[in-house]
Amino acid sequence: MVEMTVTEFSRNLSTVFDRIEYKHEEIVLFRHNHRIARVIPGSFSLTALEAMGDLYQTLPDDAGKDWLNDSTIPGSLQDEMKDPWGI
């Protein structure tokens, strides 16, 4: 784990990201002698849950209910669905 100030981080952004990506180092950022953030290497692949995990925050609350209701009506999405292979 490497500790650095926000100023050091911002001045050496490319180098810091190289360290995170290639050396898999964890960076802890400090501002005014207080720990404010931790930057960690990401995983090389994501599961569907990880990739779509924050999607719910971008949709209005009633969107999920509407989608659920529409998906349970037989044939309601038939006109919108198409075969991607054209068979």
N, C-alpha and C. Protein backbone atom coordinates (compact mmCIF):
# COMPACT_ATOMS: atom_id res chain seq x y z
N MET A 1 0.85 -1.17 0.00
CA MET A 1 0.00 0.00 0.00
C MET A 1 0.90 1.23 0.00
N VAL A 2 0.56 2.15 -0.89
CA VAL A 2 1.33 3.38 -1.04
C VAL A 2 0.46 4.53 -0.56
N GLU A 3 1.03 5.41 0.25
CA GLU A 3 0.31 6.58 0.73
C GLU A 3 0.84 7.82 0.02
N MET A 4 -0.08 8.70 -0.40
CA MET A 4 0.33 9.94 -1.04
C MET A 4 -0.74 11.00 -0.86
N THR A 5 -0.32 12.23 -1.02
CA THR A 5 -1.27 13.33 -0.92
C THR A 5 -2.05 13.44 -2.22
N VAL A 6 -3.16 14.12 -2.14
CA VAL A 6 -3.97 14.36 -3.33
C VAL A 6 -3.18 15.15 -4.37
N THR A 7 -2.36 16.07 -3.90
CA THR A 7 -1.54 16.86 -4.81
C THR A 7 -0.55 15.97 -5.57
N GLU A 8 0.13 15.08 -4.85
CA GLU A 8 1.06 14.15 -5.51
C GLU A 8 0.32 13.28 -6.53
N PHE A 9 -0.84 12.81 -6.12
CA PHE A 9 -1.66 11.96 -6.99
C PHE A 9 -2.02 12.69 -8.28
N SER A 10 -2.50 13.92 -8.16
CA SER A 10 -2.94 14.67 -9.34
C SER A 10 -1.77 15.06 -10.25
N ARG A 11 -0.62 15.31 -9.68
CA ARG A 11 0.55 15.69 -10.49
C ARG A 11 1.17 14.50 -11.21
N ASN A 12 0.94 13.30 -10.72
CA ASN A 12 1.56 12.09 -11.29
C ASN A 12 0.50 11.07 -11.70
N LEU A 13 -0.61 11.52 -12.20
CA LEU A 13 -1.75 10.66 -12.47
C LEU A 13 -1.41 9.48 -13.36
N SER A 14 -0.75 9.71 -14.47
CA SER A 14 -0.43 8.63 -15.39
C SER A 14 0.48 7.58 -14.73
N THR A 15 1.48 8.04 -14.00
CA THR A 15 2.40 7.13 -13.32
C THR A 15 1.68 6.33 -12.24
N VAL A 16 0.82 7.01 -11.50
CA VAL A 16 0.07 6.33 -10.44
C VAL A 16 -0.85 5.27 -11.03
N PHE A 17 -1.54 5.58 -12.12
CA PHE A 17 -2.41 4.59 -12.75
C PHE A 17 -1.60 3.42 -13.30
N ASP A 18 -0.40 3.66 -13.80
CA ASP A 18 0.46 2.57 -14.23
C ASP A 18 0.81 1.66 -13.06
N ARG A 19 1.11 2.23 -11.92
CA ARG A 19 1.42 1.44 -10.73
C ARG A 19 0.22 0.60 -10.30
N ILE A 20 -0.96 1.19 -10.39
CA ILE A 20 -2.17 0.46 -10.01
C ILE A 20 -2.43 -0.68 -11.00
N GLU A 21 -2.32 -0.37 -12.27
CA GLU A 21 -2.65 -1.37 -13.30
C GLU A 21 -1.61 -2.48 -13.40
N TYR A 22 -0.34 -2.12 -13.48
CA TYR A 22 0.69 -3.11 -13.77
C TYR A 22 1.32 -3.73 -12.53
N LYS A 23 1.43 -2.97 -11.46
CA LYS A 23 2.03 -3.50 -10.24
C LYS A 23 0.99 -3.90 -9.20
N HIS A 24 -0.28 -3.64 -9.52
CA HIS A 24 -1.40 -3.97 -8.65
C HIS A 24 -1.24 -3.38 -7.26
N GLU A 25 -0.76 -2.13 -7.21
CA GLU A 25 -0.57 -1.45 -5.94
C GLU A 25 -1.86 -0.75 -5.50
N GLU A 26 -2.04 -0.67 -4.22
CA GLU A 26 -3.16 0.06 -3.64
C GLU A 26 -2.64 1.43 -3.21
N ILE A 27 -3.38 2.47 -3.56
CA ILE A 27 -2.97 3.84 -3.25
C ILE A 27 -3.96 4.43 -2.24
N VAL A 28 -3.42 4.97 -1.15
CA VAL A 28 -4.25 5.64 -0.16
C VAL A 28 -3.97 7.14 -0.26
N LEU A 29 -5.04 7.92 -0.43
CA LEU A 29 -4.90 9.37 -0.62
C LEU A 29 -5.21 10.12 0.67
N PHE A 30 -4.37 11.12 0.93
CA PHE A 30 -4.53 11.96 2.11
C PHE A 30 -4.71 13.41 1.69
N ARG A 31 -5.56 14.11 2.43
CA ARG A 31 -5.71 15.56 2.26
C ARG A 31 -5.75 16.16 3.67
N HIS A 32 -4.90 17.12 3.92
CA HIS A 32 -4.80 17.77 5.23
C HIS A 32 -4.60 16.73 6.33
N ASN A 33 -3.72 15.77 6.07
CA ASN A 33 -3.37 14.70 7.01
C ASN A 33 -4.52 13.78 7.39
N HIS A 34 -5.56 13.74 6.54
CA HIS A 34 -6.69 12.85 6.76
C HIS A 34 -6.81 11.90 5.57
N ARG A 35 -7.01 10.65 5.86
CA ARG A 35 -7.22 9.66 4.80
C ARG A 35 -8.60 9.92 4.18
N ILE A 36 -8.62 10.13 2.85
CA ILE A 36 -9.89 10.45 2.21
C ILE A 36 -10.33 9.41 1.18
N ALA A 37 -9.38 8.63 0.66
CA ALA A 37 -9.76 7.67 -0.38
C ALA A 37 -8.73 6.56 -0.49
N ARG A 38 -9.19 5.47 -1.09
CA ARG A 38 -8.31 4.35 -1.38
C ARG A 38 -8.58 3.92 -2.81
N VAL A 39 -7.55 3.86 -3.62
CA VAL A 39 -7.69 3.45 -5.02
C VAL A 39 -7.07 2.06 -5.14
N ILE A 40 -7.87 1.11 -5.58
CA ILE A 40 -7.40 -0.27 -5.67
C ILE A 40 -7.52 -0.76 -7.11
N PRO A 41 -6.70 -1.74 -7.48
CA PRO A 41 -6.80 -2.28 -8.83
C PRO A 41 -8.16 -2.96 -9.03
N GLY A 42 -8.69 -2.81 -10.21
CA GLY A 42 -9.96 -3.46 -10.52
C GLY A 42 -9.72 -4.89 -10.95
N SER A 43 -10.79 -5.66 -10.96
CA SER A 43 -10.67 -7.04 -11.42
C SER A 43 -10.56 -7.04 -12.95
N PHE A 44 -9.99 -8.09 -13.49
CA PHE A 44 -9.79 -8.17 -14.94
C PHE A 44 -11.08 -8.46 -15.68
N SER A 45 -12.04 -9.05 -14.99
CA SER A 45 -13.33 -9.31 -15.61
C SER A 45 -14.42 -9.05 -14.58
N LEU A 46 -15.59 -8.76 -15.07
CA LEU A 46 -16.72 -8.49 -14.19
C LEU A 46 -17.82 -9.51 -14.41
N THR A 47 -18.51 -9.85 -13.35
CA THR A 47 -19.71 -10.66 -13.50
C THR A 47 -20.83 -9.73 -13.96
N ALA A 48 -21.91 -10.30 -14.41
CA ALA A 48 -23.05 -9.49 -14.84
C ALA A 48 -23.57 -8.65 -13.68
N LEU A 49 -23.58 -9.23 -12.49
CA LEU A 49 -24.05 -8.49 -11.32
C LEU A 49 -23.16 -7.29 -11.03
N GLU A 50 -21.84 -7.46 -11.14
CA GLU A 50 -20.92 -6.35 -10.91
C GLU A 50 -21.06 -5.28 -11.99
N ALA A 51 -21.20 -5.70 -13.23
CA ALA A 51 -21.30 -4.75 -14.33
C ALA A 51 -22.60 -3.95 -14.29
N MET A 52 -23.67 -4.59 -13.88
CA MET A 52 -24.98 -3.94 -13.89
C MET A 52 -25.44 -3.53 -12.49
N GLY A 53 -24.58 -3.67 -11.49
CA GLY A 53 -24.96 -3.46 -10.11
C GLY A 53 -25.48 -2.08 -9.79
N ASP A 54 -24.98 -1.06 -10.44
CA ASP A 54 -25.41 0.31 -10.14
C ASP A 54 -26.50 0.81 -11.09
N LEU A 55 -26.99 -0.05 -11.95
CA LEU A 55 -28.00 0.36 -12.92
C LEU A 55 -29.27 0.87 -12.23
N TYR A 56 -29.61 0.25 -11.11
CA TYR A 56 -30.83 0.65 -10.42
C TYR A 56 -30.79 2.12 -9.99
N GLN A 57 -29.62 2.68 -9.81
CA GLN A 57 -29.51 4.07 -9.39
C GLN A 57 -29.79 5.04 -10.54
N THR A 58 -29.78 4.55 -11.76
CA THR A 58 -29.97 5.43 -12.90
C THR A 58 -31.41 5.43 -13.41
N LEU A 59 -32.24 4.54 -12.89
CA LEU A 59 -33.61 4.42 -13.36
C LEU A 59 -34.59 5.00 -12.34
N PRO A 60 -35.69 5.54 -12.81
CA PRO A 60 -36.71 6.00 -11.86
C PRO A 60 -37.33 4.81 -11.12
N ASP A 61 -37.86 5.05 -9.94
CA ASP A 61 -38.38 3.97 -9.10
C ASP A 61 -39.47 3.16 -9.79
N ASP A 62 -40.33 3.80 -10.56
CA ASP A 62 -41.43 3.07 -11.18
C ASP A 62 -41.03 2.26 -12.41
N ALA A 63 -39.82 2.46 -12.93
CA ALA A 63 -39.39 1.73 -14.13
C ALA A 63 -39.33 0.24 -13.88
N GLY A 64 -38.81 -0.17 -12.74
CA GLY A 64 -38.73 -1.59 -12.44
C GLY A 64 -40.09 -2.24 -12.36
N LYS A 65 -41.04 -1.56 -11.75
CA LYS A 65 -42.40 -2.10 -11.64
C LYS A 65 -43.03 -2.25 -13.03
N ASP A 66 -42.84 -1.23 -13.87
CA ASP A 66 -43.40 -1.30 -15.23
C ASP A 66 -42.79 -2.45 -16.02
N TRP A 67 -41.47 -2.62 -15.90
CA TRP A 67 -40.81 -3.71 -16.62
C TRP A 67 -41.31 -5.06 -16.13
N LEU A 68 -41.46 -5.20 -14.83
CA LEU A 68 -41.95 -6.46 -14.28
C LEU A 68 -43.36 -6.74 -14.77
N ASN A 69 -44.23 -5.74 -14.73
CA ASN A 69 -45.60 -5.93 -15.21
C ASN A 69 -45.63 -6.27 -16.69
N ASP A 70 -44.85 -5.58 -17.51
CA ASP A 70 -44.83 -5.84 -18.95
C ASP A 70 -44.30 -7.23 -19.26
N SER A 71 -43.34 -7.69 -18.46
CA SER A 71 -42.74 -8.99 -18.75
C SER A 71 -43.66 -10.15 -18.41
N THR A 72 -44.67 -9.92 -17.59
CA THR A 72 -45.57 -11.01 -17.21
C THR A 72 -46.83 -11.07 -18.05
N ILE A 73 -47.05 -10.11 -18.95
CA ILE A 73 -48.21 -10.14 -19.84
C ILE A 73 -47.82 -10.94 -21.08
N PRO A 74 -48.46 -12.08 -21.31
CA PRO A 74 -48.10 -12.90 -22.48
C PRO A 74 -48.22 -12.11 -23.78
N GLY A 75 -47.16 -12.14 -24.59
CA GLY A 75 -47.16 -11.49 -25.89
C GLY A 75 -46.99 -9.99 -25.87
N SER A 76 -46.84 -9.37 -24.70
CA SER A 76 -46.77 -7.91 -24.64
C SER A 76 -45.49 -7.35 -25.25
N LEU A 77 -44.43 -8.12 -25.24
CA LEU A 77 -43.16 -7.65 -25.81
C LEU A 77 -42.87 -8.31 -27.15
N GLN A 78 -43.80 -9.08 -27.66
CA GLN A 78 -43.58 -9.86 -28.88
C GLN A 78 -43.20 -8.97 -30.06
N ASP A 79 -43.84 -7.82 -30.21
CA ASP A 79 -43.57 -6.95 -31.35
C ASP A 79 -42.19 -6.30 -31.24
N GLU A 80 -41.71 -6.09 -30.01
CA GLU A 80 -40.43 -5.42 -29.80
C GLU A 80 -39.25 -6.37 -29.91
N MET A 81 -39.48 -7.64 -29.67
CA MET A 81 -38.38 -8.62 -29.71
C MET A 81 -38.14 -9.08 -31.13
N LYS A 82 -36.88 -9.15 -31.50
CA LYS A 82 -36.52 -9.62 -32.82
C LYS A 82 -35.40 -10.62 -32.70
N ASP A 83 -35.32 -11.53 -33.63
CA ASP A 83 -34.25 -12.52 -33.66
C ASP A 83 -32.98 -11.84 -34.15
N PRO A 84 -31.92 -11.77 -33.33
CA PRO A 84 -30.70 -11.08 -33.76
C PRO A 84 -29.98 -11.76 -34.91
N TRP A 85 -30.27 -13.04 -35.16
CA TRP A 85 -29.62 -13.77 -36.24
C TRP A 85 -30.48 -13.82 -37.49
N GLY A 86 -31.68 -13.27 -37.40
CA GLY A 86 -32.56 -13.19 -38.57
C GLY A 86 -33.09 -14.52 -39.04
N ILE A 87 -33.20 -15.46 -38.15
CA ILE A 87 -33.71 -16.80 -38.53
C ILE A 87 -35.20 -16.84 -38.41
